[in-house]
């Protein structure tokens, strides 16, 4: 029997709202205009996170809190260390 919040495949706890890979098209300034084939209607907020720069696993991310054309909110970020875009539901 699995406890609530565990993965059925591994039996281990899984993170809630864990980031997932996203398909993001940007304008020339690097601002998202299409996320997972949906047009971005509004950028509510943008911020950067620079952390753990003194370690072997630094964090350099540029986040965008977006509203898509269908009204759904999503937060995407570009990971400058590993490359690529990831998403989290807002």
Protein backbone atom coordinates (compact mmCIF):
# COMPACT_ATOMS: atom_id res chain seq x y z
CA UNK A 1 0.00 0.00 0.00
CA UNK A 2 1.34 3.44 -0.96
CA UNK A 3 1.20 6.42 1.31
CA UNK A 4 -0.28 9.65 0.00
CA UNK A 5 2.29 11.69 -1.95
CA UNK A 6 4.36 8.73 -3.11
CA UNK A 7 5.04 7.60 -6.62
CA UNK A 8 3.40 4.31 -7.60
CA UNK A 9 6.47 3.30 -9.63
CA UNK A 10 9.11 3.81 -6.95
CA UNK A 11 7.27 4.17 -3.64
CA UNK A 12 9.36 7.31 -3.00
CA UNK A 13 8.00 10.72 -2.17
CA UNK A 14 7.57 13.03 -5.16
CA UNK A 15 7.86 16.79 -5.20
CA UNK A 16 4.64 18.71 -5.63
CA UNK A 17 4.62 21.21 -8.48
CA UNK A 18 8.06 20.03 -9.62
CA UNK A 19 9.40 21.85 -12.71
CA UNK A 20 8.86 20.15 -16.07
CA UNK A 21 10.48 20.78 -19.44
CA UNK A 22 8.65 23.41 -21.50
CA UNK A 23 8.65 24.41 -25.16
CA UNK A 24 9.23 28.17 -25.12
CA UNK A 25 9.60 30.60 -28.01
CA UNK A 26 11.01 34.00 -27.11
CA UNK A 27 11.37 37.41 -28.69
CA UNK A 28 14.79 38.98 -29.32
CA UNK A 29 15.00 40.08 -25.66
CA UNK A 30 14.52 36.51 -24.39
CA UNK A 31 10.95 37.12 -23.19
CA UNK A 32 8.51 34.22 -23.76
CA UNK A 33 5.89 34.78 -26.48
CA UNK A 34 4.72 31.16 -26.91
CA UNK A 35 4.73 28.46 -24.21
CA UNK A 36 3.88 24.87 -25.12
CA UNK A 37 2.30 26.07 -28.38
CA UNK A 38 0.05 28.57 -26.59
CA UNK A 39 0.36 32.32 -27.12
CA UNK A 40 1.42 34.38 -24.08
CA UNK A 41 -1.27 37.02 -23.40
CA UNK A 42 0.44 38.74 -20.46
CA UNK A 43 3.70 38.73 -18.50
CA UNK A 44 2.68 39.51 -14.91
CA UNK A 45 6.16 39.53 -13.43
CA UNK A 46 9.80 38.78 -14.20
CA UNK A 47 12.61 38.09 -11.75
CA UNK A 48 16.04 36.52 -11.57
CA UNK A 49 17.47 34.08 -9.07
CA UNK A 50 21.23 33.88 -8.60
CA UNK A 51 22.18 31.56 -5.78
CA UNK A 52 24.83 29.07 -4.69
CA UNK A 53 27.37 30.77 -6.97
CA UNK A 54 30.09 29.67 -4.56
CA UNK A 55 29.29 25.95 -5.05
CA UNK A 56 29.78 23.47 -7.85
CA UNK A 57 26.02 23.66 -8.55
CA UNK A 58 25.19 27.36 -8.92
CA UNK A 59 21.68 28.56 -9.76
CA UNK A 60 21.16 31.23 -12.46
CA UNK A 61 17.52 31.45 -13.51
CA UNK A 62 15.27 34.01 -15.18
CA UNK A 63 11.62 33.53 -14.21
CA UNK A 64 8.44 34.77 -15.90
CA UNK A 65 4.94 34.64 -14.40
CA UNK A 66 2.72 34.44 -17.49
CA UNK A 67 -0.93 34.25 -18.47
CA UNK A 68 -1.59 32.24 -21.62
CA UNK A 69 -4.20 33.14 -24.23
CA UNK A 70 -6.65 30.61 -22.75
CA UNK A 71 -6.39 32.25 -19.31
CA UNK A 72 -4.19 29.63 -17.61
CA UNK A 73 -1.35 30.93 -15.46
CA UNK A 74 2.10 29.40 -15.73
CA UNK A 75 5.54 30.22 -14.39
CA UNK A 76 8.45 29.43 -16.70
CA UNK A 77 12.14 29.89 -16.15
CA UNK A 78 15.29 29.65 -18.20
CA UNK A 79 18.06 27.75 -16.47
CA UNK A 80 21.27 29.43 -17.64
CA UNK A 81 23.51 26.80 -16.01
CA UNK A 82 21.95 23.68 -17.53
CA UNK A 83 20.28 25.43 -20.45
CA UNK A 84 16.67 25.01 -21.38
CA UNK A 85 13.26 26.13 -20.20
CA UNK A 86 11.14 24.63 -17.43
CA UNK A 87 7.60 25.33 -16.26
CA UNK A 88 5.59 25.27 -13.06
CA UNK A 89 1.86 25.82 -12.79
CA UNK A 90 1.07 29.19 -11.18
